[in-house]
Amino acid sequence: MEWTSILILVLSFVTLMILGVPVAWSLGISSFLTLLVTVESMPSATTIAQRMGTSLDSFALLAIPFFVLAGEVMNRGGIAQRLIDLAKAMTGKLPGGLLYVNVIAAMLFGAIAGSAAAAVSAIGGILGKRMDAEGYPKGLGAAVNITSSTTGLIIPPSNVLIVYSLASGGVSIAALFVAGYIPGIFIGLVLMGTAAIFIKKHKLPKGETTSWGELNSKFWRALPSLMLLFVVIGGIVAGVFTATEASAIAVVYTLVLSFFYKELKVKDVPAILLKSSETTAIVMLLVATSMSMSWVMSSEDIPQSISASLLSLSDNIFVILLMINLILLFVGIFMDMTPAVLIFTPIFLPIVTALGVDPVHFGIIMILNLCIGLCTPPVGSVLFLGVQVSGLSIQKIVKPLVPFFIAMILGLVVITLWPDLTLWLPRVFDLI
């Protein structure tokens, strides 16, 4: 019966996706069809609707709309420009400095906004024209912008880490947030190392010389934005407030800061609220339908069947992690991050924890896997947004994107095989 349910679930979902049905609807419909194997039609429909409703009844999920709103305020409040100015001052007169600026700014902006989409739009929109004017190869800047923007989903605050905490059954959000710093910075350094190869190959121009006085000035201009990191993460780690309360504080802080910078006006607020509401509605519908699918899979014993099948192939932790990584890389190509996390966490987490993998470590592995999927067609949302921002065709971006894609996979391998890279910082703060 389990394999019949798996077959119906997979075939119906894939068919609906091929037909162009939105992901959220595909998840809900395929869940309903799978439940029909064991339950009559009316109770099946009622159960799916009930599960969708109850899945959103979570205090932790309130953090998502608040962080989305904070990210939207930051995107329009002049914060991106100040972070880019600081990154430019830090790279000084290095050859090809704008590529380094892109990575550093993406890490800083992502660490504050927690949104890859916001980072790729804000930073790409500012740096893209500058790179064209200075003769950077077409597509190279876009490739760096697309891949580096995903670091903001690993470096906290990150909505998808909150989703993973929900799907895992209660892994500490504070531990996940703190655990994301070193892997996120590591991936940023890997991307900068890859960019350095292209800088040498194309003999890209040097950046502007920055004096200590100018660096100091740029730092102080960006400091109020950077302080959000200490306010949000510091408050969570110190136990002053929860992640949900921190998200509300982030909204207040970014609003005050944006008005202080005089980049945001009262008349801009309704548009920001509307955009944030649209994004939140999409995310919450995905959460609801994904959780209904997770429940159907659990009721049909699908996770247990998949777990038994994987463990029958090998009980070596490295072999299992390799297989899971390959599956998640494939899943990330075709599925958005939120449903992928909600669906596959209950399947894979019991397997790896039984073999001794820390749930916090696995969470970072999973998120990084799916970040790579955001940079790949046909569903890579960050890829297509980066293409749109750059004004280039996807064909001109894919070729320079491949080396950065490979670099991210190599970074994933290191993070997978080196647990202390992820777990050292949470242990320092006694979070695990």
Protein backbone atom coordinates (compact mmCIF):
# COMPACT_ATOMS: atom_id res chain seq x y z
CA MET A 1 0.00 0.00 0.00
CA GLU A 2 2.85 2.40 0.84
CA TRP A 3 4.44 2.09 -2.60
CA THR A 4 1.06 2.56 -4.28
CA SER A 5 0.64 5.79 -2.32
CA ILE A 6 4.16 6.90 -3.24
CA LEU A 7 3.48 6.22 -6.91
CA ILE A 8 0.20 8.18 -6.89
CA LEU A 9 1.76 11.04 -4.93
CA VAL A 10 4.79 11.41 -7.20
CA LEU A 11 3.02 10.89 -10.52
CA SER A 12 0.15 13.25 -9.73
CA PHE A 13 2.48 15.97 -8.42
CA VAL A 14 4.88 15.73 -11.38
CA THR A 15 2.00 15.67 -13.89
CA LEU A 16 0.39 18.75 -12.37
CA MET A 17 3.72 20.60 -12.38
CA ILE A 18 4.29 19.70 -16.05
CA LEU A 19 0.82 21.02 -16.85
CA GLY A 20 1.79 24.34 -15.28
CA VAL A 21 -0.39 24.12 -12.17
CA PRO A 22 1.02 26.37 -9.39
CA VAL A 23 3.16 24.53 -6.83
CA ALA A 24 0.80 25.14 -3.90
CA TRP A 25 -2.21 23.77 -5.80
CA SER A 26 -0.16 20.82 -7.08
CA LEU A 27 0.80 19.93 -3.51
CA GLY A 28 -2.79 20.11 -2.26
CA ILE A 29 -4.34 18.18 -5.16
CA SER A 30 -1.71 15.42 -5.14
CA SER A 31 -2.16 15.06 -1.36
CA PHE A 32 -5.92 14.68 -1.87
CA LEU A 33 -5.47 12.07 -4.62
CA THR A 34 -3.04 10.09 -2.46
CA LEU A 35 -5.41 10.08 0.50
CA LEU A 36 -8.17 8.67 -1.73
CA VAL A 37 -6.28 5.36 -1.72
CA THR A 38 -7.46 4.67 1.83
CA VAL A 39 -10.21 7.24 2.54
CA GLU A 40 -13.43 8.18 0.75
CA SER A 41 -13.61 11.42 -1.24
CA MET A 42 -15.57 13.66 1.15
CA PRO A 43 -13.56 12.78 4.30
CA SER A 44 -10.37 13.13 2.23
CA ALA A 45 -11.26 16.66 1.11
CA THR A 46 -12.31 17.62 4.64
CA THR A 47 -9.11 16.20 6.12
CA ILE A 48 -6.86 18.07 3.66
CA ALA A 49 -8.67 21.36 4.36
CA GLN A 50 -8.45 20.76 8.11
CA ARG A 51 -4.73 19.98 7.95
CA MET A 52 -4.09 23.11 5.89
CA GLY A 53 -5.85 25.22 8.50
CA THR A 54 -4.29 23.68 11.60
CA SER A 55 -0.78 23.75 10.08
CA LEU A 56 -0.84 27.55 10.17
CA ASP A 57 -1.87 27.63 13.83
CA SER A 58 1.71 28.17 15.03
CA PHE A 59 3.14 31.10 16.95
CA ALA A 60 6.56 30.54 15.35
CA LEU A 61 5.11 31.17 11.89
CA LEU A 62 4.35 34.78 12.87
CA ALA A 63 8.06 35.46 12.42
CA ILE A 64 7.77 34.94 8.66
CA PRO A 65 5.47 37.88 7.79
CA PHE A 66 7.42 40.17 10.13
CA PHE A 67 10.80 39.26 8.61
CA VAL A 68 9.30 39.57 5.11
CA LEU A 69 8.07 43.06 6.00
CA ALA A 70 11.44 44.01 7.52
CA GLY A 71 13.19 42.82 4.36
CA GLU A 72 10.87 44.85 2.14
CA VAL A 73 11.44 47.98 4.25
CA MET A 74 15.20 47.49 4.04
CA ASN A 75 15.04 46.97 0.29
CA ARG A 76 13.46 50.41 -0.13
CA GLY A 77 15.06 52.22 2.80
CA GLY A 78 18.54 52.93 1.44
CA ILE A 79 20.19 50.17 3.46
CA ALA A 80 21.45 48.25 0.40
CA GLN A 81 23.37 51.27 -0.92
CA ARG A 82 25.12 51.84 2.42
CA LEU A 83 26.14 48.19 2.64
CA ILE A 84 27.47 48.27 -0.92
CA ASP A 85 29.45 51.43 -0.11
CA LEU A 86 30.97 49.68 2.91
CA ALA A 87 31.83 46.58 0.85
CA LYS A 88 33.47 48.76 -1.82
CA ALA A 89 35.54 50.51 0.83
CA MET A 90 36.60 47.13 2.28
CA THR A 91 37.83 45.74 -1.06
CA GLY A 92 39.85 48.89 -1.81
CA LYS A 93 41.76 48.81 -5.09
CA LEU A 94 41.67 45.03 -5.63
CA PRO A 95 41.41 43.98 -9.30
CA GLY A 96 37.85 43.00 -10.15
CA GLY A 97 36.77 44.53 -6.87
CA LEU A 98 33.13 44.87 -7.88
CA LEU A 99 32.74 41.08 -7.85
CA TYR A 100 34.05 40.97 -4.28
CA VAL A 101 31.77 43.90 -3.45
CA ASN A 102 28.81 41.92 -4.77
CA VAL A 103 29.54 38.89 -2.58
CA ILE A 104 30.28 40.88 0.58
CA ALA A 105 27.25 43.14 0.09
CA ALA A 106 25.02 40.11 -0.54
CA MET A 107 26.24 38.50 2.68
CA LEU A 108 25.67 41.70 4.66
CA PHE A 109 22.31 42.48 3.09
CA GLY A 110 21.15 38.86 3.32
CA ALA A 111 22.20 38.73 6.95
CA ILE A 112 19.96 41.70 7.64
CA ALA A 113 17.04 41.07 5.26
CA GLY A 114 17.12 37.25 5.19
CA SER A 115 15.87 37.23 1.60
CA ALA A 116 17.73 36.02 -1.49
CA ALA A 117 15.19 37.72 -3.75
CA ALA A 118 15.66 41.08 -2.02
CA ALA A 119 19.45 40.75 -2.18
CA VAL A 120 19.61 39.80 -5.86
CA SER A 121 17.27 42.67 -6.79
CA ALA A 122 18.77 45.42 -4.63
CA ILE A 123 22.45 44.63 -5.17
CA GLY A 124 22.19 43.56 -8.80
CA GLY A 125 20.24 46.68 -9.65
CA ILE A 126 22.94 48.92 -8.18
CA LEU A 127 26.11 47.08 -9.28
CA GLY A 128 25.01 45.71 -12.67
CA LYS A 129 25.32 48.98 -14.60
CA ARG A 130 28.60 49.80 -12.87
CA MET A 131 30.11 46.47 -14.00
CA ASP A 132 28.94 47.05 -17.56
CA ALA A 133 30.50 50.52 -17.57
CA GLU A 134 33.86 49.16 -16.34
CA GLY A 135 34.02 46.39 -18.94
CA TYR A 136 33.25 43.30 -16.89
CA PRO A 137 32.36 40.24 -19.03
CA LYS A 138 28.66 39.96 -19.80
CA GLY A 139 26.98 37.49 -17.50
CA LEU A 140 29.84 37.19 -14.99
CA GLY A 141 28.49 39.86 -12.66
CA ALA A 142 24.98 38.36 -12.88
CA ALA A 143 26.35 34.88 -12.06
CA VAL A 144 28.11 36.23 -8.96
CA ASN A 145 25.01 38.19 -7.94
CA ILE A 146 22.69 35.18 -8.30
CA THR A 147 24.82 32.70 -6.35
CA SER A 148 25.99 35.09 -3.61
CA SER A 149 22.44 36.25 -2.85
CA THR A 150 21.59 32.78 -1.51
CA THR A 151 24.04 33.22 1.40
CA GLY A 152 21.34 35.33 3.07
CA LEU A 153 19.21 32.19 3.45
CA ILE A 154 21.92 30.52 5.52
CA ILE A 155 23.15 33.56 7.45
CA PRO A 156 20.38 34.57 9.90
CA PRO A 157 17.76 35.82 10.23
CA SER A 158 16.33 33.37 7.69
CA ASN A 159 12.67 32.51 7.16
CA VAL A 160 13.52 29.12 5.74
CA LEU A 161 15.41 28.17 8.92
CA ILE A 162 12.22 28.97 10.83
CA VAL A 163 10.31 26.69 8.46
CA TYR A 164 12.86 23.92 9.05
CA SER A 165 12.45 24.32 12.81
CA LEU A 166 8.69 23.87 12.37
CA ALA A 167 9.08 20.81 10.11
CA SER A 168 11.68 19.19 12.36
CA GLY A 169 9.37 19.17 15.34
CA GLY A 170 11.11 21.82 17.41
CA VAL A 171 14.81 22.19 16.64
CA SER A 172 15.90 25.41 18.36
CA ILE A 173 15.57 28.45 16.08
CA ALA A 174 18.29 30.20 18.08
CA ALA A 175 20.67 27.27 17.51
CA LEU A 176 19.87 27.23 13.78
CA PHE A 177 20.39 30.98 13.48
CA VAL A 178 23.77 30.89 15.21
CA ALA A 179 24.80 27.75 13.29
CA GLY A 180 24.23 29.50 9.95
CA TYR A 181 26.93 32.15 10.35
CA ILE A 182 30.12 30.18 9.68
CA PRO A 183 28.72 28.02 6.81
CA GLY A 184 27.21 31.15 5.21
CA ILE A 185 30.49 33.06 5.44
CA PHE A 186 32.36 29.98 4.20
CA ILE A 187 30.17 29.76 1.08
CA GLY A 188 30.74 33.48 0.52
CA LEU A 189 34.51 32.94 0.67
CA VAL A 190 34.23 30.00 -1.74
CA LEU A 191 32.37 32.21 -4.21
CA MET A 192 34.96 34.97 -3.81
CA GLY A 193 37.72 32.45 -4.49
CA THR A 194 35.93 31.36 -7.66
CA ALA A 195 35.48 34.99 -8.69
CA ALA A 196 39.24 35.54 -8.19
CA ILE A 197 39.95 32.94 -10.90
CA PHE A 198 37.81 34.86 -13.39
CA ILE A 199 39.34 38.17 -12.30
CA LYS A 200 42.82 36.86 -13.13
CA LYS A 201 41.65 35.23 -16.38
CA HIS A 202 39.96 38.38 -17.73
CA LYS A 203 42.46 40.84 -16.17
CA LEU A 204 39.64 42.90 -14.73
CA PRO A 205 40.27 46.53 -13.73
CA LYS A 206 41.27 47.60 -10.23
CA GLY A 207 38.83 49.25 -7.89
CA GLU A 208 39.11 52.69 -6.38
CA THR A 209 41.74 53.33 -3.72
CA THR A 210 40.10 53.79 -0.33
CA SER A 211 41.69 55.81 2.44
CA TRP A 212 41.31 54.87 6.10
CA GLY A 213 39.24 58.00 6.59
CA GLU A 214 36.82 57.00 3.86
CA LEU A 215 36.61 53.43 5.15
CA ASN A 216 35.85 54.78 8.61
CA SER A 217 33.17 57.07 7.18
CA LYS A 218 31.50 54.26 5.21
CA PHE A 219 31.58 52.01 8.27
CA TRP A 220 29.84 54.55 10.49
CA ARG A 221 27.20 55.20 7.80
CA ALA A 222 26.47 51.47 7.60
CA LEU A 223 26.75 50.76 11.33
CA PRO A 224 23.08 51.47 12.19
CA SER A 225 22.08 48.88 9.55
CA LEU A 226 24.62 46.35 10.85
CA MET A 227 23.38 46.87 14.40
CA LEU A 228 20.17 45.06 13.46
CA LEU A 229 22.21 41.84 13.49
CA PHE A 230 23.25 42.39 17.09
CA VAL A 231 19.78 43.49 18.16
CA VAL A 232 17.95 40.53 16.58
CA ILE A 233 20.42 37.66 16.99
CA GLY A 234 21.92 38.97 20.23
CA GLY A 235 18.47 39.27 21.77
CA ILE A 236 17.53 35.73 20.74
CA VAL A 237 20.77 34.15 21.97
CA ALA A 238 20.64 36.09 25.25
CA GLY A 239 17.07 34.94 25.80
CA VAL A 240 15.71 38.49 25.88
CA PHE A 241 13.07 37.62 23.29
CA THR A 242 12.00 34.78 21.01
CA ALA A 243 12.61 34.64 17.24
CA THR A 244 9.01 35.71 16.65
CA GLU A 245 9.35 38.71 18.96
CA ALA A 246 12.70 39.51 17.31
CA SER A 247 11.01 39.66 13.91
CA ALA A 248 8.57 42.31 15.17
CA ILE A 249 11.45 44.29 16.68
CA ALA A 250 13.25 44.06 13.30
CA VAL A 251 10.25 45.71 11.61
CA VAL A 252 10.20 48.60 14.08
CA TYR A 253 13.98 49.04 13.87
CA THR A 254 14.08 49.06 10.05
CA LEU A 255 11.17 51.48 9.81
CA VAL A 256 12.81 53.93 12.22
CA LEU A 257 16.15 53.56 10.42
CA SER A 258 14.66 54.05 6.94
CA PHE A 259 12.84 57.21 8.04
CA PHE A 260 16.05 58.39 9.72
CA TYR A 261 17.93 57.90 6.44
CA LYS A 262 15.13 59.90 4.74
CA GLU A 263 14.93 57.19 2.07
CA LEU A 264 11.39 56.19 3.05
CA LYS A 265 8.29 58.35 3.20
CA VAL A 266 4.93 57.73 4.81
CA LYS A 267 3.30 57.51 1.38
CA ASP A 268 5.57 54.51 0.57
CA VAL A 269 4.31 52.43 3.50
CA PRO A 270 1.03 51.17 1.93
CA ALA A 271 2.89 49.80 -1.11
CA ILE A 272 5.41 48.08 1.17
CA LEU A 273 2.63 46.52 3.26
CA LEU A 274 0.85 45.32 0.11
CA LYS A 275 4.00 43.74 -1.33
CA SER A 276 4.82 42.09 1.99
CA SER A 277 1.25 40.76 2.26
CA GLU A 278 1.47 39.24 -1.21
CA THR A 279 4.75 37.50 -0.41
CA THR A 280 3.46 36.29 2.95
CA ALA A 281 0.25 34.93 1.39
CA ILE A 282 2.24 32.91 -1.14
CA VAL A 283 4.57 31.52 1.54
CA MET A 284 1.72 30.64 3.91
CA LEU A 285 -0.28 28.86 1.19
CA LEU A 286 2.84 26.83 0.39
CA VAL A 287 3.27 26.05 4.09
CA ALA A 288 -0.36 24.94 4.42
CA THR A 289 -0.39 22.65 1.38
CA SER A 290 3.11 21.31 2.13
CA MET A 291 2.10 20.42 5.68
CA SER A 292 -1.00 18.67 4.41
CA MET A 293 1.20 16.61 2.08
CA SER A 294 3.56 15.82 4.96
CA TRP A 295 0.62 14.60 7.03
CA VAL A 296 -0.67 12.42 4.17
CA MET A 297 2.79 10.94 3.69
CA SER A 298 3.02 10.19 7.40
CA SER A 299 -0.45 8.61 7.52
CA GLU A 300 0.44 6.38 4.58
CA ASP A 301 3.79 5.40 6.20
CA ILE A 302 5.69 6.79 3.21
CA PRO A 303 8.62 8.22 5.26
CA GLN A 304 9.13 4.85 6.93
CA SER A 305 9.21 3.08 3.56
CA ILE A 306 11.74 5.50 2.12
CA SER A 307 13.82 5.31 5.31
CA ALA A 308 13.89 1.51 5.22
CA SER A 309 14.86 1.56 1.56
CA LEU A 310 17.77 3.96 2.10
CA LEU A 311 19.06 2.11 5.16
CA SER A 312 18.85 -1.19 3.28
CA LEU A 313 21.35 0.20 0.76
CA SER A 314 23.91 1.20 3.40
CA ASP A 315 24.28 2.06 7.07
CA ASN A 316 27.36 4.21 6.45
CA ILE A 317 26.55 7.77 7.47
CA PHE A 318 28.64 9.31 4.68
CA VAL A 319 26.99 7.18 2.01
CA ILE A 320 23.53 8.06 3.35
CA LEU A 321 24.36 11.78 3.47
CA LEU A 322 25.71 11.57 -0.10
CA MET A 323 22.47 9.98 -1.31
CA ILE A 324 20.33 12.51 0.56
CA ASN A 325 22.39 15.38 -0.84
CA LEU A 326 21.94 14.08 -4.38
CA ILE A 327 18.18 13.71 -3.85
CA LEU A 328 17.86 17.21 -2.39
CA LEU A 329 19.95 18.73 -5.21
CA PHE A 330 17.58 17.10 -7.68
CA VAL A 331 14.50 18.18 -5.69
CA GLY A 332 15.78 21.75 -5.51
CA ILE A 333 15.83 21.95 -9.31
CA PHE A 334 12.08 21.41 -9.50
CA MET A 335 10.64 22.55 -6.17
CA ASP A 336 10.66 25.79 -4.17
CA MET A 337 12.48 25.82 -0.84
CA THR A 338 9.54 26.10 1.55
CA PRO A 339 7.57 23.04 0.37
CA ALA A 340 10.79 21.06 -0.09
CA VAL A 341 11.83 21.70 3.52
CA LEU A 342 8.38 20.90 4.89
CA ILE A 343 8.01 17.70 2.86
CA PHE A 344 11.50 16.19 3.04
CA THR A 345 12.52 17.11 6.59
CA PRO A 346 10.15 14.55 8.18
CA ILE A 347 11.46 11.93 5.72
CA PHE A 348 15.21 12.42 6.03
CA LEU A 349 15.69 13.84 9.54
CA PRO A 350 14.80 10.58 11.39
CA ILE A 351 17.23 8.69 9.14
CA VAL A 352 20.24 10.92 9.77
CA THR A 353 19.56 11.44 13.48
CA ALA A 354 19.41 7.67 13.93
CA LEU A 355 22.91 7.56 12.44
CA GLY A 356 24.20 10.29 14.77
CA VAL A 357 23.85 13.48 12.70
CA ASP A 358 22.87 16.56 14.73
CA PRO A 359 19.50 18.03 13.59
CA VAL A 360 21.02 21.53 13.51
CA HIS A 361 23.83 20.35 11.23
CA PHE A 362 21.37 18.58 8.94
CA GLY A 363 19.21 21.70 8.77
CA ILE A 364 22.11 23.75 7.39
CA ILE A 365 22.95 20.94 4.93
CA MET A 366 19.37 20.84 3.69
CA ILE A 367 19.02 24.61 3.31
CA LEU A 368 22.31 24.91 1.42
CA ASN A 369 21.22 22.08 -0.90
CA LEU A 370 18.02 23.88 -1.74
CA CYS A 371 19.84 27.22 -2.09
CA ILE A 372 21.74 25.69 -4.98
CA GLY A 373 18.39 24.76 -6.53
CA LEU A 374 17.38 28.42 -6.49
CA CYS A 375 20.19 29.08 -8.98
CA THR A 376 19.18 26.38 -11.47
CA PRO A 377 16.44 26.18 -14.12
CA PRO A 378 13.59 25.42 -14.60
CA VAL A 379 12.21 26.63 -11.24
CA GLY A 380 15.16 28.64 -9.88
CA SER A 381 13.42 31.80 -8.71
CA VAL A 382 16.65 33.62 -7.84
CA LEU A 383 18.12 32.68 -11.22
CA PHE A 384 15.24 34.19 -13.17
CA LEU A 385 15.08 37.26 -10.95
CA GLY A 386 18.81 37.78 -11.47
CA VAL A 387 18.35 37.40 -15.22
CA GLN A 388 15.59 40.00 -15.15
CA VAL A 389 17.67 42.45 -13.11
CA SER A 390 20.71 42.03 -15.38
CA GLY A 391 18.73 42.55 -18.59
CA LEU A 392 20.56 39.61 -20.21
CA SER A 393 19.20 36.39 -21.66
CA ILE A 394 19.46 33.25 -19.56
CA GLN A 395 21.70 31.69 -22.23
CA LYS A 396 24.38 34.34 -21.58
CA ILE A 397 24.30 33.75 -17.83
CA VAL A 398 24.21 29.95 -17.62
CA LYS A 399 27.79 29.42 -18.89
CA PRO A 400 29.52 31.74 -16.36
CA LEU A 401 27.12 30.47 -13.68
CA VAL A 402 28.30 26.83 -13.92
CA PRO A 403 31.69 27.32 -12.14
CA PHE A 404 29.98 29.11 -9.24
CA PHE A 405 27.35 26.37 -9.14
CA ILE A 406 30.13 23.76 -8.88
CA ALA A 407 31.87 25.85 -6.19
CA MET A 408 28.69 25.86 -4.10
CA ILE A 409 28.44 22.07 -4.42
CA LEU A 410 32.07 21.68 -3.27
CA GLY A 411 31.27 23.99 -0.35
CA LEU A 412 28.26 21.81 0.45
CA VAL A 413 30.51 18.72 0.52
CA VAL A 414 32.88 20.39 3.00
CA ILE A 415 30.02 21.51 5.26
CA THR A 416 28.47 18.03 5.12
CA LEU A 417 31.69 16.22 6.03
CA TRP A 418 32.87 18.78 8.62
CA PRO A 419 30.11 19.06 11.24
CA ASP A 420 32.17 21.30 13.56
CA LEU A 421 32.07 24.03 10.91
CA THR A 422 28.35 24.27 11.64
CA LEU A 423 28.14 23.19 15.28
CA TRP A 424 31.11 24.99 16.86
CA LEU A 425 29.38 28.34 17.30
CA PRO A 426 26.11 26.96 18.76
CA ARG A 427 28.22 24.97 21.24
CA VAL A 428 30.13 28.10 22.23
CA PHE A 429 26.80 29.76 23.10
CA ASP A 430 25.57 26.55 24.80
CA LEU A 431 22.60 26.24 22.41
CA ILE A 432 23.08 22.52 21.70
